[in-house]
């Protein structure tokens, strides 16, 4: 459902075109001594899920630029299924915000619990590793427009923090 963006000359894409759902059975090698999945493993899975979303959206090389704070709300235990749902929330010139929701699923009952939500920024790059334009986002639903608006505010906050960090790096 891509359509050509006349201003930028590249195809704009809908949220649905890049949506991802991944699953991962939590094995003993994924867990800490308490039988819960390691936080670093969850972060790795989140990054992979978001990368697939970003690749699907822009169909070019991408790199992870940042991940916003991550709060673990509920553990994912050994033997459960980790479910990751990723979708694109916002697009700027060369960057994209990807949201990933993580759930645990009890294998025998199918009961699901929300574990965490992460927002990652990816940047489209050219063959020399320089930022390059990415397709615009076609927003079709009210929830997509709301997520886009909320992502714009998060982007403003990220840019503000980044500018502040640059001033203090001197």
N, C-alpha and C. Protein backbone atom coordinates (compact mmCIF):
# COMPACT_ATOMS: atom_id res chain seq x y z
N UNK A 1 0.81 -1.20 0.00
CA UNK A 1 0.00 0.00 0.00
C UNK A 1 0.85 1.26 0.00
N UNK A 2 2.08 1.13 -0.43
CA UNK A 2 2.95 2.30 -0.53
C UNK A 2 2.40 3.24 -1.57
N UNK A 3 2.67 4.52 -1.38
CA UNK A 3 2.35 5.46 -2.44
C UNK A 3 3.46 6.50 -2.50
N UNK A 4 3.71 6.96 -3.71
CA UNK A 4 4.83 7.87 -3.96
C UNK A 4 4.58 9.21 -3.28
N UNK A 5 5.59 9.69 -2.57
CA UNK A 5 5.57 10.99 -1.93
C UNK A 5 6.15 11.98 -2.93
N UNK A 6 5.30 12.84 -3.49
CA UNK A 6 5.75 13.73 -4.57
C UNK A 6 6.81 14.73 -4.11
N UNK A 7 6.79 15.15 -2.85
CA UNK A 7 7.78 16.12 -2.36
C UNK A 7 9.17 15.50 -2.26
N UNK A 8 9.24 14.26 -1.80
CA UNK A 8 10.53 13.66 -1.50
C UNK A 8 10.96 12.62 -2.52
N UNK A 9 10.05 12.20 -3.39
CA UNK A 9 10.41 11.25 -4.42
C UNK A 9 10.60 9.82 -3.95
N UNK A 10 10.21 9.51 -2.71
CA UNK A 10 10.28 8.13 -2.23
C UNK A 10 8.91 7.72 -1.74
N UNK A 11 8.65 6.42 -1.75
CA UNK A 11 7.34 5.92 -1.39
C UNK A 11 7.05 6.12 0.09
N UNK A 12 5.85 6.63 0.38
CA UNK A 12 5.38 6.70 1.76
C UNK A 12 4.76 5.35 2.09
N UNK A 13 4.81 4.95 3.35
CA UNK A 13 4.29 3.64 3.73
C UNK A 13 3.40 3.75 4.96
N UNK A 14 2.46 2.83 5.05
CA UNK A 14 1.55 2.80 6.20
C UNK A 14 2.19 2.08 7.38
N UNK A 15 1.61 2.27 8.54
CA UNK A 15 2.07 1.61 9.75
C UNK A 15 1.95 0.09 9.59
N UNK A 16 0.85 -0.35 9.00
CA UNK A 16 0.59 -1.80 8.86
C UNK A 16 1.65 -2.50 8.01
N UNK A 17 2.26 -1.80 7.08
CA UNK A 17 3.24 -2.43 6.18
C UNK A 17 4.50 -2.88 6.89
N UNK A 18 4.78 -2.32 8.05
CA UNK A 18 6.03 -2.68 8.73
C UNK A 18 5.81 -3.31 10.10
N UNK A 19 4.57 -3.53 10.46
CA UNK A 19 4.25 -4.09 11.79
C UNK A 19 4.89 -5.48 11.95
N UNK A 20 5.36 -5.76 13.17
CA UNK A 20 6.05 -7.02 13.46
C UNK A 20 5.52 -7.63 14.75
N UNK A 21 5.36 -8.94 14.76
CA UNK A 21 5.12 -9.67 16.01
C UNK A 21 6.11 -10.83 16.05
N UNK A 22 6.89 -10.88 17.12
CA UNK A 22 7.89 -11.93 17.31
C UNK A 22 7.57 -12.69 18.59
N UNK A 23 7.95 -13.96 18.61
CA UNK A 23 7.82 -14.74 19.84
C UNK A 23 9.16 -15.40 20.17
N UNK A 24 9.35 -15.65 21.45
CA UNK A 24 10.59 -16.27 21.92
C UNK A 24 10.26 -17.10 23.16
N UNK A 25 10.53 -18.40 23.10
CA UNK A 25 10.33 -19.25 24.28
C UNK A 25 11.51 -19.01 25.22
N UNK A 26 11.21 -18.69 26.46
CA UNK A 26 12.26 -18.38 27.44
C UNK A 26 12.85 -19.69 27.97
N UNK A 27 14.13 -19.88 27.68
CA UNK A 27 14.87 -21.09 28.05
C UNK A 27 15.76 -20.82 29.26
N UNK A 28 16.28 -21.85 29.89
CA UNK A 28 17.15 -21.65 31.05
C UNK A 28 18.34 -20.73 30.76
N UNK A 29 18.88 -20.78 29.54
CA UNK A 29 20.03 -19.93 29.21
C UNK A 29 19.66 -18.45 29.12
N UNK A 30 18.36 -18.14 29.08
CA UNK A 30 17.89 -16.75 29.01
C UNK A 30 17.65 -16.14 30.38
N UNK A 31 17.77 -16.94 31.43
CA UNK A 31 17.27 -16.50 32.74
C UNK A 31 18.36 -16.25 33.77
N UNK A 32 17.96 -15.51 34.80
CA UNK A 32 18.82 -15.26 35.97
C UNK A 32 18.58 -16.39 36.99
N UNK A 33 19.27 -16.36 38.13
CA UNK A 33 19.08 -17.42 39.14
C UNK A 33 17.67 -17.52 39.70
N UNK A 34 16.84 -16.48 39.49
CA UNK A 34 15.46 -16.50 40.00
C UNK A 34 14.49 -17.10 38.99
N UNK A 35 15.00 -17.47 37.80
CA UNK A 35 14.14 -18.06 36.78
C UNK A 35 13.44 -17.04 35.90
N UNK A 36 13.83 -15.77 36.01
CA UNK A 36 13.25 -14.70 35.17
C UNK A 36 14.19 -14.39 34.02
N UNK A 37 13.62 -13.99 32.90
CA UNK A 37 14.45 -13.62 31.75
C UNK A 37 15.36 -12.45 32.13
N UNK A 38 16.57 -12.47 31.64
CA UNK A 38 17.52 -11.39 31.90
C UNK A 38 17.06 -10.10 31.21
N UNK A 39 17.22 -8.97 31.88
CA UNK A 39 16.86 -7.69 31.29
C UNK A 39 17.59 -7.42 29.99
N UNK A 40 18.86 -7.80 29.93
CA UNK A 40 19.64 -7.60 28.71
C UNK A 40 19.11 -8.42 27.55
N UNK A 41 18.59 -9.60 27.85
CA UNK A 41 17.99 -10.43 26.80
C UNK A 41 16.73 -9.77 26.26
N UNK A 42 15.92 -9.22 27.16
CA UNK A 42 14.71 -8.51 26.72
C UNK A 42 15.10 -7.32 25.85
N UNK A 43 16.12 -6.58 26.26
CA UNK A 43 16.56 -5.42 25.48
C UNK A 43 17.05 -5.84 24.10
N UNK A 44 17.76 -6.95 24.03
CA UNK A 44 18.25 -7.47 22.75
C UNK A 44 17.07 -7.83 21.84
N UNK A 45 16.06 -8.52 22.39
CA UNK A 45 14.89 -8.89 21.60
C UNK A 45 14.14 -7.65 21.13
N UNK A 46 14.03 -6.64 22.00
CA UNK A 46 13.37 -5.39 21.62
C UNK A 46 14.10 -4.74 20.46
N UNK A 47 15.43 -4.68 20.53
CA UNK A 47 16.22 -4.07 19.46
C UNK A 47 16.04 -4.83 18.14
N UNK A 48 16.02 -6.15 18.20
CA UNK A 48 15.81 -6.95 16.98
C UNK A 48 14.43 -6.68 16.38
N UNK A 49 13.41 -6.68 17.21
CA UNK A 49 12.04 -6.44 16.74
C UNK A 49 11.94 -5.06 16.09
N UNK A 50 12.47 -4.05 16.76
CA UNK A 50 12.42 -2.69 16.24
C UNK A 50 13.22 -2.57 14.94
N UNK A 51 14.34 -3.27 14.84
CA UNK A 51 15.15 -3.22 13.62
C UNK A 51 14.38 -3.77 12.43
N UNK A 52 13.63 -4.85 12.64
CA UNK A 52 12.84 -5.41 11.54
C UNK A 52 11.77 -4.41 11.10
N UNK A 53 11.12 -3.75 12.05
CA UNK A 53 10.13 -2.72 11.71
C UNK A 53 10.79 -1.63 10.87
N UNK A 54 11.93 -1.12 11.33
CA UNK A 54 12.62 -0.04 10.62
C UNK A 54 13.04 -0.46 9.22
N UNK A 55 13.59 -1.67 9.10
CA UNK A 55 13.98 -2.18 7.77
C UNK A 55 12.78 -2.29 6.85
N UNK A 56 11.68 -2.82 7.36
CA UNK A 56 10.48 -2.97 6.53
C UNK A 56 9.96 -1.61 6.07
N UNK A 57 10.05 -0.62 6.96
CA UNK A 57 9.52 0.70 6.60
C UNK A 57 10.36 1.35 5.51
N UNK A 58 11.65 1.36 5.66
CA UNK A 58 12.47 2.14 4.71
C UNK A 58 13.21 1.31 3.68
N UNK A 59 13.26 0.00 3.86
CA UNK A 59 13.92 -0.88 2.88
C UNK A 59 15.34 -0.43 2.56
N UNK A 60 16.07 -0.07 3.63
CA UNK A 60 17.48 0.29 3.50
C UNK A 60 18.18 -0.01 4.81
N UNK A 61 19.48 0.22 4.85
CA UNK A 61 20.23 0.00 6.08
C UNK A 61 19.74 0.96 7.16
N UNK A 62 19.70 0.45 8.38
CA UNK A 62 19.30 1.28 9.52
C UNK A 62 20.23 0.98 10.69
N UNK A 63 20.33 1.94 11.59
CA UNK A 63 21.09 1.74 12.82
C UNK A 63 20.24 2.21 14.00
N UNK A 64 20.47 1.57 15.15
CA UNK A 64 19.81 2.00 16.38
C UNK A 64 20.51 3.25 16.88
N UNK A 65 19.75 4.32 17.09
CA UNK A 65 20.34 5.56 17.61
C UNK A 65 20.12 5.68 19.11
N UNK A 66 18.95 5.25 19.59
CA UNK A 66 18.68 5.35 21.02
C UNK A 66 17.51 4.48 21.42
N UNK A 67 17.44 4.21 22.72
CA UNK A 67 16.28 3.57 23.32
C UNK A 67 15.93 4.42 24.53
N UNK A 68 14.67 4.82 24.62
CA UNK A 68 14.23 5.59 25.78
C UNK A 68 14.27 4.69 27.02
N UNK A 69 14.02 5.28 28.17
CA UNK A 69 14.06 4.52 29.41
C UNK A 69 13.16 3.29 29.31
N UNK A 70 13.52 2.27 30.04
CA UNK A 70 12.80 1.00 29.99
C UNK A 70 12.49 0.55 31.41
N UNK A 71 11.20 0.44 31.72
CA UNK A 71 10.77 -0.01 33.04
C UNK A 71 10.15 -1.39 32.90
N UNK A 72 10.67 -2.35 33.66
CA UNK A 72 10.14 -3.71 33.65
C UNK A 72 8.99 -3.78 34.64
N UNK A 73 7.79 -4.05 34.14
CA UNK A 73 6.59 -4.04 34.97
C UNK A 73 6.29 -5.40 35.57
N UNK A 74 6.49 -6.45 34.78
CA UNK A 74 6.24 -7.82 35.21
C UNK A 74 7.32 -8.72 34.64
N UNK A 75 7.74 -9.74 35.38
CA UNK A 75 8.79 -10.62 34.87
C UNK A 75 8.25 -11.58 33.81
N UNK A 76 9.16 -12.08 33.00
CA UNK A 76 8.85 -13.17 32.08
C UNK A 76 9.65 -14.35 32.60
N UNK A 77 8.96 -15.43 32.88
CA UNK A 77 9.60 -16.57 33.55
C UNK A 77 10.02 -17.66 32.56
N UNK A 78 10.97 -18.46 33.00
CA UNK A 78 11.43 -19.58 32.19
C UNK A 78 10.22 -20.45 31.81
N UNK A 79 10.16 -20.84 30.56
CA UNK A 79 9.06 -21.66 30.06
C UNK A 79 7.91 -20.86 29.50
N UNK A 80 7.87 -19.56 29.77
CA UNK A 80 6.83 -18.73 29.18
C UNK A 80 7.27 -18.28 27.79
N UNK A 81 6.33 -17.71 27.07
CA UNK A 81 6.62 -17.16 25.75
C UNK A 81 6.70 -15.65 25.89
N UNK A 82 7.78 -15.08 25.38
CA UNK A 82 7.89 -13.61 25.29
C UNK A 82 7.31 -13.22 23.93
N UNK A 83 6.38 -12.28 23.94
CA UNK A 83 5.76 -11.80 22.71
C UNK A 83 6.14 -10.34 22.56
N UNK A 84 6.67 -9.98 21.41
CA UNK A 84 7.07 -8.60 21.13
C UNK A 84 6.27 -8.10 19.95
N UNK A 85 5.63 -6.95 20.13
CA UNK A 85 4.83 -6.33 19.06
C UNK A 85 5.45 -4.98 18.74
N UNK A 86 5.94 -4.85 17.52
CA UNK A 86 6.60 -3.62 17.11
C UNK A 86 5.86 -2.90 16.01
N UNK A 87 5.86 -1.57 16.09
CA UNK A 87 5.26 -0.77 15.02
C UNK A 87 5.92 0.59 14.98
N UNK A 88 5.87 1.19 13.83
CA UNK A 88 6.46 2.51 13.65
C UNK A 88 5.47 3.56 14.13
N UNK A 89 5.97 4.52 14.91
CA UNK A 89 5.11 5.57 15.47
C UNK A 89 5.30 6.91 14.78
N UNK A 90 6.53 7.18 14.34
CA UNK A 90 6.86 8.52 13.85
C UNK A 90 8.01 8.45 12.87
N UNK A 91 8.00 9.36 11.91
CA UNK A 91 9.10 9.48 10.95
C UNK A 91 9.47 10.94 10.84
N UNK A 92 10.78 11.22 10.87
CA UNK A 92 11.30 12.56 10.57
C UNK A 92 12.06 12.43 9.24
N UNK A 93 13.03 13.28 8.98
CA UNK A 93 13.74 13.21 7.70
C UNK A 93 14.51 11.89 7.54
N UNK A 94 15.35 11.57 8.52
CA UNK A 94 16.15 10.35 8.42
C UNK A 94 15.92 9.40 9.60
N UNK A 95 15.13 9.81 10.56
CA UNK A 95 14.93 8.99 11.75
C UNK A 95 13.50 8.50 11.87
N UNK A 96 13.36 7.42 12.64
CA UNK A 96 12.06 6.80 12.86
C UNK A 96 11.96 6.42 14.33
N UNK A 97 10.79 6.62 14.94
CA UNK A 97 10.56 6.08 16.28
C UNK A 97 9.77 4.80 16.13
N UNK A 98 10.29 3.74 16.74
CA UNK A 98 9.64 2.45 16.74
C UNK A 98 9.20 2.14 18.17
N UNK A 99 7.95 1.74 18.34
CA UNK A 99 7.46 1.31 19.65
C UNK A 99 7.40 -0.20 19.70
N UNK A 100 7.86 -0.77 20.81
CA UNK A 100 7.80 -2.23 20.99
C UNK A 100 7.15 -2.51 22.34
N UNK A 101 6.07 -3.28 22.31
CA UNK A 101 5.41 -3.73 23.53
C UNK A 101 5.81 -5.18 23.76
N UNK A 102 6.12 -5.51 25.01
CA UNK A 102 6.55 -6.87 25.35
C UNK A 102 5.54 -7.47 26.33
N UNK A 103 5.14 -8.70 26.05
CA UNK A 103 4.19 -9.43 26.89
C UNK A 103 4.77 -10.80 27.23
N UNK A 104 4.30 -11.36 28.34
CA UNK A 104 4.59 -12.76 28.63
C UNK A 104 3.31 -13.53 28.39
N UNK A 105 3.47 -14.77 27.94
CA UNK A 105 2.31 -15.64 27.76
C UNK A 105 2.57 -16.96 28.46
N UNK A 106 1.63 -17.35 29.29
CA UNK A 106 1.70 -18.65 29.95
C UNK A 106 1.31 -19.70 28.92
N UNK A 107 2.21 -20.65 28.68
CA UNK A 107 2.01 -21.62 27.60
C UNK A 107 0.73 -22.44 27.78
N UNK A 108 0.44 -22.90 28.98
CA UNK A 108 -0.69 -23.80 29.19
C UNK A 108 -2.04 -23.09 29.19
N UNK A 109 -2.08 -21.83 29.61
CA UNK A 109 -3.37 -21.13 29.72
C UNK A 109 -3.58 -20.06 28.66
N UNK A 110 -2.49 -19.56 28.08
CA UNK A 110 -2.60 -18.46 27.12
C UNK A 110 -2.73 -17.10 27.78
N UNK A 111 -2.70 -17.06 29.12
CA UNK A 111 -2.80 -15.78 29.83
C UNK A 111 -1.60 -14.91 29.49
N UNK A 112 -1.88 -13.63 29.22
CA UNK A 112 -0.82 -12.68 28.86
C UNK A 112 -0.74 -11.56 29.88
N UNK A 113 0.51 -11.10 30.09
CA UNK A 113 0.75 -9.94 30.97
C UNK A 113 1.69 -8.99 30.26
N UNK A 114 1.39 -7.71 30.38
CA UNK A 114 2.26 -6.68 29.80
C UNK A 114 3.51 -6.58 30.67
N UNK A 115 4.67 -6.64 30.03
CA UNK A 115 5.95 -6.61 30.77
C UNK A 115 6.66 -5.28 30.65
N UNK A 116 6.68 -4.70 29.45
CA UNK A 116 7.32 -3.41 29.27
C UNK A 116 7.00 -2.86 27.88
N UNK A 117 7.24 -1.58 27.72
CA UNK A 117 7.12 -0.91 26.43
C UNK A 117 8.38 -0.09 26.23
N UNK A 118 8.92 -0.14 25.02
CA UNK A 118 10.14 0.61 24.71
C UNK A 118 9.92 1.44 23.46
N UNK A 119 10.57 2.60 23.42
CA UNK A 119 10.58 3.46 22.24
C UNK A 119 12.02 3.60 21.79
N UNK A 120 12.27 3.22 20.55
CA UNK A 120 13.62 3.27 20.00
C UNK A 120 13.66 4.21 18.81
N UNK A 121 14.78 4.87 18.62
CA UNK A 121 14.99 5.70 17.45
C UNK A 121 15.98 5.00 16.54
N UNK A 122 15.59 4.84 15.30
CA UNK A 122 16.46 4.27 14.27
C UNK A 122 16.71 5.33 13.22
N UNK A 123 17.86 5.25 12.57
CA UNK A 123 18.22 6.19 11.51
C UNK A 123 18.52 5.39 10.25
N UNK A 124 17.93 5.82 9.13
CA UNK A 124 18.26 5.23 7.84
C UNK A 124 19.61 5.75 7.39
N UNK A 125 20.46 4.85 6.87
CA UNK A 125 21.79 5.28 6.43
C UNK A 125 22.06 4.83 5.00
N UNK A 126 22.96 5.56 4.33
CA UNK A 126 23.36 5.18 2.98
C UNK A 126 24.56 4.23 3.06
N UNK A 127 25.13 3.90 1.91
CA UNK A 127 26.24 2.95 1.87
C UNK A 127 27.51 3.45 2.56
N UNK A 128 27.59 4.76 2.78
CA UNK A 128 28.75 5.32 3.47
C UNK A 128 28.49 5.53 4.97
N UNK A 129 27.30 5.11 5.41
CA UNK A 129 26.97 5.23 6.83
C UNK A 129 26.43 6.59 7.22
N UNK A 130 26.07 7.42 6.24
CA UNK A 130 25.53 8.75 6.52
C UNK A 130 24.01 8.69 6.58
N UNK A 131 23.40 9.51 7.45
CA UNK A 131 21.94 9.55 7.51
C UNK A 131 21.35 9.90 6.15
N UNK A 132 20.25 9.23 5.82
CA UNK A 132 19.59 9.46 4.55
C UNK A 132 18.08 9.47 4.76
N UNK A 133 17.37 10.09 3.85
CA UNK A 133 15.92 10.22 3.99
C UNK A 133 15.24 8.86 4.06
N UNK A 134 14.18 8.81 4.86
CA UNK A 134 13.35 7.61 4.95
C UNK A 134 11.93 7.97 4.50
N UNK A 135 11.16 6.98 4.09
CA UNK A 135 9.80 7.26 3.62
C UNK A 135 8.93 7.89 4.70
N UNK A 136 8.04 8.74 4.27
CA UNK A 136 7.05 9.31 5.19
C UNK A 136 6.10 8.22 5.65
N UNK A 137 5.31 8.55 6.64
CA UNK A 137 4.39 7.59 7.24
C UNK A 137 2.95 7.96 6.87
N UNK A 138 2.22 6.99 6.38
CA UNK A 138 0.79 7.18 6.08
C UNK A 138 0.02 6.79 7.34
N UNK A 139 -0.69 7.74 7.92
CA UNK A 139 -1.46 7.50 9.14
C UNK A 139 -2.92 7.30 8.75
N UNK A 140 -3.46 6.12 9.03
CA UNK A 140 -4.81 5.79 8.58
C UNK A 140 -5.86 5.81 9.68
N UNK A 141 -5.44 5.65 10.94
CA UNK A 141 -6.41 5.52 12.03
C UNK A 141 -6.16 6.57 13.11
N UNK A 142 -7.18 6.78 13.93
CA UNK A 142 -7.03 7.72 15.05
C UNK A 142 -5.93 7.28 16.02
N UNK A 143 -5.83 5.98 16.38
CA UNK A 143 -4.73 5.57 17.26
C UNK A 143 -3.35 5.81 16.63
N UNK A 144 -3.22 5.63 15.32
CA UNK A 144 -1.94 5.91 14.65
C UNK A 144 -1.60 7.39 14.72
N UNK A 145 -2.60 8.24 14.53
CA UNK A 145 -2.36 9.69 14.61
C UNK A 145 -1.99 10.10 16.04
N UNK A 146 -2.63 9.49 17.03
CA UNK A 146 -2.30 9.77 18.43
C UNK A 146 -0.87 9.33 18.75
N UNK A 147 -0.49 8.11 18.33
CA UNK A 147 0.88 7.64 18.57
C UNK A 147 1.89 8.56 17.89
N UNK A 148 1.58 9.04 16.68
CA UNK A 148 2.46 9.95 15.96
C UNK A 148 2.65 11.24 16.77
N UNK A 149 1.55 11.79 17.26
CA UNK A 149 1.60 13.03 18.03
C UNK A 149 2.39 12.85 19.33
N UNK A 150 2.15 11.75 20.03
CA UNK A 150 2.89 11.47 21.26
C UNK A 150 4.38 11.27 20.97
N UNK A 151 4.67 10.64 19.84
CA UNK A 151 6.08 10.41 19.45
C UNK A 151 6.77 11.73 19.12
N UNK A 152 6.03 12.68 18.53
CA UNK A 152 6.62 13.99 18.25
C UNK A 152 7.08 14.66 19.53
N UNK A 153 6.28 14.55 20.59
CA UNK A 153 6.66 15.13 21.88
C UNK A 153 7.88 14.42 22.46
N UNK A 154 7.91 13.09 22.37
CA UNK A 154 9.10 12.36 22.85
C UNK A 154 10.33 12.77 22.05
N UNK A 155 10.17 12.98 20.75
CA UNK A 155 11.30 13.40 19.91
C UNK A 155 11.82 14.77 20.36
N UNK A 156 10.90 15.70 20.62
CA UNK A 156 11.31 17.03 21.10
C UNK A 156 12.12 16.90 22.39
N UNK A 157 11.66 16.05 23.30
CA UNK A 157 12.37 15.85 24.57
C UNK A 157 13.74 15.21 24.34
N UNK A 158 13.82 14.23 23.44
CA UNK A 158 15.11 13.60 23.14
C UNK A 158 16.08 14.61 22.56
N UNK A 159 15.61 15.44 21.63
CA UNK A 159 16.48 16.44 21.01
C UNK A 159 16.95 17.47 22.03
N UNK A 160 16.07 17.82 22.96
CA UNK A 160 16.43 18.76 24.02
C UNK A 160 17.52 18.16 24.91
N UNK A 161 17.35 16.89 25.31
CA UNK A 161 18.36 16.21 26.13
C UNK A 161 19.69 16.10 25.39
N UNK A 162 19.61 15.79 24.11
CA UNK A 162 20.82 15.65 23.30
C UNK A 162 21.58 16.97 23.20
N UNK A 163 20.85 18.06 23.00
CA UNK A 163 21.49 19.38 22.93
C UNK A 163 22.14 19.73 24.26
N UNK A 164 21.47 19.40 25.35
CA UNK A 164 22.02 19.67 26.68
C UNK A 164 23.29 18.85 26.91
N UNK A 165 23.28 17.60 26.50
CA UNK A 165 24.46 16.74 26.64
C UNK A 165 25.63 17.28 25.83
N UNK A 166 25.36 17.75 24.63
CA UNK A 166 26.43 18.30 23.79
C UNK A 166 27.06 19.53 24.42
N UNK A 167 26.24 20.36 25.09
CA UNK A 167 26.77 21.57 25.75
C UNK A 167 27.69 21.21 26.91
N UNK A 168 27.39 20.10 27.59
CA UNK A 168 28.19 19.74 28.76
C UNK A 168 29.38 18.85 28.41
N UNK A 169 29.46 18.36 27.17
CA UNK A 169 30.58 17.49 26.76
C UNK A 169 31.86 18.28 26.53
N UNK A 170 31.76 19.58 26.32
CA UNK A 170 32.81 20.46 25.94
C UNK A 170 34.11 20.37 26.56
